[in-house]
Amino acid sequence: MGDWVIRMIEQSGYLAVGFLMFLETVFPPIPSEVIMPVAGVAAAKGSMSLGGVIASGTAGAMLGNIVWYLAARALGIIRLKPLIDRYGRWVTMNWEEVERAERWFKANGTFFVFLGRMLPTVRSLVSVPAGLLKMRFKTFCIASTIGTAGWTAALAFAGYELRGQFTEVDEWLGPVSNAILVVLLVGYVWRVIRFQPDE
């Protein structure tokens, strides 16, 4: 998969970086942990600039983020009420908890979106609660762009510094991503076990 990413970026440059990051955000066929370090290597070789790589990667990812946000916003949390009422245990939330989450998100949503964009595994999911809970589009875009730019810049810079050894980035981030996934899974199972339906 890395070889295919390398060829695509070599052939199409910034356009490929943006397109691949868009795909990774909307439907993750390949991780950003591969795309951006490869683009960083290309920048180190002089075929692209590091700033251009970061900008195109951020733009592509943000386009995907906005697609998910708008889809979730169009759906809206109210339309999920029958599903939550019926399958609350498996969603791990009753409607009272949804209302509490909505209040929490209004107070802390900006930081949640910003931080979430820089966490492996979680970063692709952040747009959904932001859209469902109707976070202001401008606020969403600002927080998402800053967090996404930080993530893409870190990966691109790692590739730039490591040159062709971009696999070292994935070797470090892979276990981090897996650890986050395990924590999310354990948290989900715990919530299912402890779930209390609305009275």
C-alpha atoms as a PDB file:
ATOM      1  CA  MET A   1       0.000   0.000   0.000  1.00  0.00           C
ATOM      2  CA  GLY A   2       2.861   2.379   0.773  1.00  0.00           C
ATOM      3  CA  ASP A   3       4.287   1.863  -2.736  1.00  0.00           C
ATOM      4  CA  TRP A   4       0.950   2.828  -4.300  1.00  0.00           C
ATOM      5  CA  VAL A   5       0.763   5.989  -2.202  1.00  0.00           C
ATOM      6  CA  ILE A   6       4.339   6.885  -3.174  1.00  0.00           C
ATOM      7  CA  ARG A   7       3.609   6.464  -6.899  1.00  0.00           C
ATOM      8  CA  MET A   8       0.409   8.485  -6.714  1.00  0.00           C
ATOM      9  CA  ILE A   9       2.067  11.367  -4.864  1.00  0.00           C
ATOM     10  CA  GLU A  10       5.037  11.315  -7.242  1.00  0.00           C
ATOM     11  CA  GLN A  11       2.697  11.518 -10.237  1.00  0.00           C
ATOM     12  CA  SER A  12       0.098  14.025  -8.999  1.00  0.00           C
ATOM     13  CA  GLY A  13       1.828  15.955  -6.211  1.00  0.00           C
ATOM     14  CA  TYR A  14      -0.323  18.232  -4.054  1.00  0.00           C
ATOM     15  CA  LEU A  15      -3.534  17.056  -5.734  1.00  0.00           C
ATOM     16  CA  ALA A  16      -2.785  13.467  -4.732  1.00  0.00           C
ATOM     17  CA  VAL A  17      -1.994  14.465  -1.151  1.00  0.00           C
ATOM     18  CA  GLY A  18      -5.286  16.341  -0.825  1.00  0.00           C
ATOM     19  CA  PHE A  19      -7.301  13.596  -2.525  1.00  0.00           C
ATOM     20  CA  LEU A  20      -5.784  10.808  -0.417  1.00  0.00           C
ATOM     21  CA  MET A  21      -6.380  12.734   2.795  1.00  0.00           C
ATOM     22  CA  PHE A  22      -9.994  13.354   1.721  1.00  0.00           C
ATOM     23  CA  LEU A  23     -10.457   9.611   1.124  1.00  0.00           C
ATOM     24  CA  GLU A  24      -8.797   8.783   4.437  1.00  0.00           C
ATOM     25  CA  THR A  25     -11.234  11.051   6.267  1.00  0.00           C
ATOM     26  CA  VAL A  26     -14.440   9.999   4.506  1.00  0.00           C
ATOM     27  CA  PHE A  27     -13.728   6.288   4.176  1.00  0.00           C
ATOM     28  CA  PRO A  28     -10.327   5.328   5.562  1.00  0.00           C
ATOM     29  CA  PRO A  29      -8.791   3.007   2.954  1.00  0.00           C
ATOM     30  CA  ILE A  30      -5.278   4.065   3.951  1.00  0.00           C
ATOM     31  CA  PRO A  31      -4.102   5.830   7.100  1.00  0.00           C
ATOM     32  CA  SER A  32      -2.851   9.399   7.223  1.00  0.00           C
ATOM     33  CA  GLU A  33       0.127   7.900   9.068  1.00  0.00           C
ATOM     34  CA  VAL A  34       1.272   6.671   5.645  1.00  0.00           C
ATOM     35  CA  ILE A  35       0.061   9.490   3.377  1.00  0.00           C
ATOM     36  CA  MET A  36       1.575  12.496   5.126  1.00  0.00           C
ATOM     37  CA  PRO A  37       5.015  11.036   5.913  1.00  0.00           C
ATOM     38  CA  VAL A  38       5.320   9.952   2.255  1.00  0.00           C
ATOM     39  CA  ALA A  39       4.400  13.502   1.220  1.00  0.00           C
ATOM     40  CA  GLY A  40       6.977  14.806   3.703  1.00  0.00           C
ATOM     41  CA  VAL A  41       9.636  12.623   2.072  1.00  0.00           C
ATOM     42  CA  ALA A  42       8.672  14.074  -1.324  1.00  0.00           C
ATOM     43  CA  ALA A  43       9.098  17.563   0.127  1.00  0.00           C
ATOM     44  CA  ALA A  44      12.530  16.616   1.481  1.00  0.00           C
ATOM     45  CA  LYS A  45      13.543  15.501  -2.026  1.00  0.00           C
ATOM     46  CA  GLY A  46      12.508  18.896  -3.390  1.00  0.00           C
ATOM     47  CA  SER A  47       9.593  17.834  -5.597  1.00  0.00           C
ATOM     48  CA  MET A  48       7.140  19.708  -3.341  1.00  0.00           C
ATOM     49  CA  SER A  49       7.398  22.254  -0.537  1.00  0.00           C
ATOM     50  CA  LEU A  50       6.738  21.209   3.062  1.00  0.00           C
ATOM     51  CA  GLY A  51       4.264  24.062   3.489  1.00  0.00           C
ATOM     52  CA  GLY A  52       2.398  23.047   0.340  1.00  0.00           C
ATOM     53  CA  VAL A  53       2.237  19.427   1.505  1.00  0.00           C
ATOM     54  CA  ILE A  54       0.786  20.453   4.875  1.00  0.00           C
ATOM     55  CA  ALA A  55      -1.709  22.830   3.241  1.00  0.00           C
ATOM     56  CA  SER A  56      -2.942  20.288   0.675  1.00  0.00           C
ATOM     57  CA  GLY A  57      -3.202  17.516   3.279  1.00  0.00           C
ATOM     58  CA  THR A  58      -5.114  19.789   5.638  1.00  0.00           C
ATOM     59  CA  ALA A  59      -7.438  20.968   2.866  1.00  0.00           C
ATOM     60  CA  GLY A  60      -8.235  17.413   1.746  1.00  0.00           C
ATOM     61  CA  ALA A  61      -8.872  16.216   5.286  1.00  0.00           C
ATOM     62  CA  MET A  62     -11.019  19.254   6.061  1.00  0.00           C
ATOM     63  CA  LEU A  63     -13.176  18.611   3.003  1.00  0.00           C
ATOM     64  CA  GLY A  64     -13.853  15.118   4.341  1.00  0.00           C
ATOM     65  CA  ASN A  65     -14.466  16.487   7.842  1.00  0.00           C
ATOM     66  CA  ILE A  66     -17.057  18.911   6.473  1.00  0.00           C
ATOM     67  CA  VAL A  67     -18.809  16.141   4.517  1.00  0.00           C
ATOM     68  CA  TRP A  68     -19.280  14.123   7.724  1.00  0.00           C
ATOM     69  CA  TYR A  69     -20.309  17.210   9.710  1.00  0.00           C
ATOM     70  CA  LEU A  70     -22.976  18.232   7.190  1.00  0.00           C
ATOM     71  CA  ALA A  71     -24.321  14.672   6.919  1.00  0.00           C
ATOM     72  CA  ALA A  72     -24.610  14.375  10.717  1.00  0.00           C
ATOM     73  CA  ARG A  73     -26.127  17.855  11.017  1.00  0.00           C
ATOM     74  CA  ALA A  74     -28.735  17.035   8.361  1.00  0.00           C
ATOM     75  CA  LEU A  75     -29.658  13.903  10.315  1.00  0.00           C
ATOM     76  CA  GLY A  76     -29.841  15.692  13.684  1.00  0.00           C
ATOM     77  CA  ILE A  77     -29.901  14.159  17.136  1.00  0.00           C
ATOM     78  CA  ILE A  78     -33.727  14.320  17.443  1.00  0.00           C
ATOM     79  CA  ARG A  79     -34.153  11.825  14.616  1.00  0.00           C
ATOM     80  CA  LEU A  80     -32.077   9.353  16.605  1.00  0.00           C
ATOM     81  CA  LYS A  81     -34.408   9.469  19.640  1.00  0.00           C
ATOM     82  CA  PRO A  82     -36.525   6.425  18.599  1.00  0.00           C
ATOM     83  CA  LEU A  83     -33.316   4.457  17.995  1.00  0.00           C
ATOM     84  CA  ILE A  84     -31.850   5.500  21.339  1.00  0.00           C
ATOM     85  CA  ASP A  85     -35.120   4.749  23.165  1.00  0.00           C
ATOM     86  CA  ARG A  86     -35.262   1.280  21.624  1.00  0.00           C
ATOM     87  CA  TYR A  87     -31.595   0.297  21.494  1.00  0.00           C
ATOM     88  CA  GLY A  88     -30.175   2.483  24.240  1.00  0.00           C
ATOM     89  CA  ARG A  89     -28.160  -0.316  25.798  1.00  0.00           C
ATOM     90  CA  TRP A  90     -26.210  -0.915  22.581  1.00  0.00           C
ATOM     91  CA  VAL A  91     -25.836   2.809  21.894  1.00  0.00           C
ATOM     92  CA  THR A  92     -24.822   2.983  25.596  1.00  0.00           C
ATOM     93  CA  MET A  93     -26.870   6.145  26.160  1.00  0.00           C
ATOM     94  CA  ASN A  94     -30.375   6.938  27.291  1.00  0.00           C
ATOM     95  CA  TRP A  95     -32.065  10.181  26.258  1.00  0.00           C
ATOM     96  CA  GLU A  96     -31.253  11.935  29.528  1.00  0.00           C
ATOM     97  CA  GLU A  97     -27.564  11.256  28.922  1.00  0.00           C
ATOM     98  CA  VAL A  98     -27.895  12.555  25.368  1.00  0.00           C
ATOM     99  CA  GLU A  99     -29.283  15.836  26.718  1.00  0.00           C
ATOM    100  CA  ARG A 100     -26.424  16.042  29.240  1.00  0.00           C
ATOM    101  CA  ALA A 101     -23.925  15.362  26.454  1.00  0.00           C
ATOM    102  CA  GLU A 102     -25.503  18.130  24.392  1.00  0.00           C
ATOM    103  CA  ARG A 103     -25.070  20.611  27.245  1.00  0.00           C
ATOM    104  CA  TRP A 104     -21.478  19.475  27.798  1.00  0.00           C
ATOM    105  CA  PHE A 105     -20.715  19.792  24.101  1.00  0.00           C
ATOM    106  CA  LYS A 106     -22.014  23.350  23.996  1.00  0.00           C
ATOM    107  CA  ALA A 107     -19.555  24.263  26.742  1.00  0.00           C
ATOM    108  CA  ASN A 108     -16.579  22.123  25.678  1.00  0.00           C
ATOM    109  CA  GLY A 109     -17.170  21.216  22.043  1.00  0.00           C
ATOM    110  CA  THR A 110     -14.509  23.502  20.596  1.00  0.00           C
ATOM    111  CA  PHE A 111     -11.718  21.928  22.656  1.00  0.00           C
ATOM    112  CA  PHE A 112     -13.127  18.432  22.017  1.00  0.00           C
ATOM    113  CA  VAL A 113     -13.010  18.949  18.250  1.00  0.00           C
ATOM    114  CA  PHE A 114      -9.549  20.524  18.336  1.00  0.00           C
ATOM    115  CA  LEU A 115      -8.021  17.783  20.497  1.00  0.00           C
ATOM    116  CA  GLY A 116      -9.881  14.968  18.756  1.00  0.00           C
ATOM    117  CA  ARG A 117      -8.382  15.932  15.401  1.00  0.00           C
ATOM    118  CA  MET A 118      -4.924  15.107  16.724  1.00  0.00           C
ATOM    119  CA  LEU A 119      -5.749  11.679  18.172  1.00  0.00           C
ATOM    120  CA  PRO A 120      -5.299   8.549  16.037  1.00  0.00           C
ATOM    121  CA  THR A 121      -8.526   6.569  15.505  1.00  0.00           C
ATOM    122  CA  VAL A 122     -10.694   9.253  17.153  1.00  0.00           C
ATOM    123  CA  ARG A 123      -9.866  12.011  14.654  1.00  0.00           C
ATOM    124  CA  SER A 124     -12.085  10.654  11.870  1.00  0.00           C
ATOM    125  CA  LEU A 125     -15.121  10.376  14.182  1.00  0.00           C
ATOM    126  CA  VAL A 126     -15.128  13.898  15.640  1.00  0.00           C
ATOM    127  CA  SER A 127     -17.318  15.415  12.924  1.00  0.00           C
ATOM    128  CA  VAL A 128     -20.298  13.196  13.782  1.00  0.00           C
ATOM    129  CA  PRO A 129     -21.109  14.460  17.312  1.00  0.00           C
ATOM    130  CA  ALA A 130     -20.280  18.009  16.201  1.00  0.00           C
ATOM    131  CA  GLY A 131     -22.835  17.741  13.404  1.00  0.00           C
ATOM    132  CA  LEU A 132     -25.473  15.847  15.367  1.00  0.00           C
ATOM    133  CA  LEU A 133     -25.345  18.400  18.178  1.00  0.00           C
ATOM    134  CA  LYS A 134     -25.374  21.297  15.679  1.00  0.00           C
ATOM    135  CA  MET A 135     -22.106  22.928  16.650  1.00  0.00           C
ATOM    136  CA  ARG A 136     -21.722  26.271  14.880  1.00  0.00           C
ATOM    137  CA  PHE A 137     -20.209  25.630  11.455  1.00  0.00           C
ATOM    138  CA  LYS A 138     -17.682  28.445  11.795  1.00  0.00           C
ATOM    139  CA  THR A 139     -16.512  27.196  15.192  1.00  0.00           C
ATOM    140  CA  PHE A 140     -16.324  23.636  13.886  1.00  0.00           C
ATOM    141  CA  CYS A 141     -14.225  24.706  10.899  1.00  0.00           C
ATOM    142  CA  ILE A 142     -11.802  26.781  12.958  1.00  0.00           C
ATOM    143  CA  ALA A 143     -11.241  24.118  15.645  1.00  0.00           C
ATOM    144  CA  SER A 144     -11.043  21.321  13.052  1.00  0.00           C
ATOM    145  CA  THR A 145      -8.650  23.198  10.799  1.00  0.00           C
ATOM    146  CA  ILE A 146      -6.241  24.015  13.633  1.00  0.00           C
ATOM    147  CA  GLY A 147      -6.270  20.425  14.940  1.00  0.00           C
ATOM    148  CA  THR A 148      -6.074  18.876  11.471  1.00  0.00           C
ATOM    149  CA  ALA A 149      -3.225  21.181  10.458  1.00  0.00           C
ATOM    150  CA  GLY A 150      -1.340  20.202  13.616  1.00  0.00           C
ATOM    151  CA  TRP A 151      -1.782  16.498  12.853  1.00  0.00           C
ATOM    152  CA  THR A 152      -0.823  16.719   9.168  1.00  0.00           C
ATOM    153  CA  ALA A 153       2.121  19.005   9.948  1.00  0.00           C
ATOM    154  CA  ALA A 154       3.498  16.601  12.573  1.00  0.00           C
ATOM    155  CA  LEU A 155       3.297  13.631  10.192  1.00  0.00           C
ATOM    156  CA  ALA A 156       4.670  15.556   7.208  1.00  0.00           C
ATOM    157  CA  PHE A 157       7.550  16.927   9.271  1.00  0.00           C
ATOM    158  CA  ALA A 158       8.341  13.404  10.541  1.00  0.00           C
ATOM    159  CA  GLY A 159       8.546  12.180   6.945  1.00  0.00           C
ATOM    160  CA  TYR A 160      10.631  15.208   5.994  1.00  0.00           C
ATOM    161  CA  GLU A 161      13.130  14.505   8.753  1.00  0.00           C
ATOM    162  CA  LEU A 162      13.213  10.707   8.382  1.00  0.00           C
ATOM    163  CA  ARG A 163      13.389  10.827   4.579  1.00  0.00           C
ATOM    164  CA  GLY A 164      12.645   7.324   3.217  1.00  0.00           C
ATOM    165  CA  GLN A 165      12.217   5.765   6.649  1.00  0.00           C
ATOM    166  CA  PHE A 166       8.573   6.856   6.919  1.00  0.00           C
ATOM    167  CA  THR A 167       7.609   3.362   8.099  1.00  0.00           C
ATOM    168  CA  GLU A 168       9.153   4.307  11.446  1.00  0.00           C
ATOM    169  CA  VAL A 169       6.295   6.775  11.913  1.00  0.00           C
ATOM    170  CA  ASP A 170       3.711   4.032  11.492  1.00  0.00           C
ATOM    171  CA  GLU A 171       5.710   1.693  13.748  1.00  0.00           C
ATOM    172  CA  TRP A 172       5.388   4.272  16.538  1.00  0.00           C
ATOM    173  CA  LEU A 173       1.832   5.451  15.859  1.00  0.00           C
ATOM    174  CA  GLY A 174       0.459   1.964  15.165  1.00  0.00           C
ATOM    175  CA  PRO A 175       0.632   0.824  18.810  1.00  0.00           C
ATOM    176  CA  VAL A 176      -0.772   4.199  19.935  1.00  0.00           C
ATOM    177  CA  SER A 177      -3.746   3.787  17.573  1.00  0.00           C
ATOM    178  CA  ASN A 178      -4.284   0.216  18.767  1.00  0.00           C
ATOM    179  CA  ALA A 179      -4.134   1.314  22.412  1.00  0.00           C
ATOM    180  CA  ILE A 180      -6.761   4.000  21.798  1.00  0.00           C
ATOM    181  CA  LEU A 181      -8.936   1.435  19.999  1.00  0.00           C
ATOM    182  CA  VAL A 182      -8.652  -0.978  22.941  1.00  0.00           C
ATOM    183  CA  VAL A 183      -9.561   1.784  25.409  1.00  0.00           C
ATOM    184  CA  LEU A 184     -12.616   2.695  23.307  1.00  0.00           C
ATOM    185  CA  LEU A 185     -13.691  -0.954  23.081  1.00  0.00           C
ATOM    186  CA  VAL A 186     -13.267  -1.569  26.818  1.00  0.00           C
ATOM    187  CA  GLY A 187     -15.154   1.648  27.546  1.00  0.00           C
ATOM    188  CA  TYR A 188     -17.984   0.542  25.251  1.00  0.00           C
ATOM    189  CA  VAL A 189     -18.283  -2.893  26.902  1.00  0.00           C
ATOM    190  CA  TRP A 190     -18.262  -1.251  30.344  1.00  0.00           C
ATOM    191  CA  ARG A 191     -21.025   1.148  29.273  1.00  0.00           C
ATOM    192  CA  VAL A 192     -23.142  -1.729  27.938  1.00  0.00           C
ATOM    193  CA  ILE A 193     -22.789  -3.627  31.207  1.00  0.00           C
ATOM    194  CA  ARG A 194     -23.534  -0.578  33.369  1.00  0.00           C
ATOM    195  CA  PHE A 195     -26.310   0.817  31.184  1.00  0.00           C
ATOM    196  CA  GLN A 196     -29.418   2.068  33.012  1.00  0.00           C
ATOM    197  CA  PRO A 197     -32.480   2.727  30.833  1.00  0.00           C
ATOM    198  CA  ASP A 198     -34.690   5.761  31.328  1.00  0.00           C
ATOM    199  CA  GLU A 199     -37.197   5.232  34.107  1.00  0.00           C
END
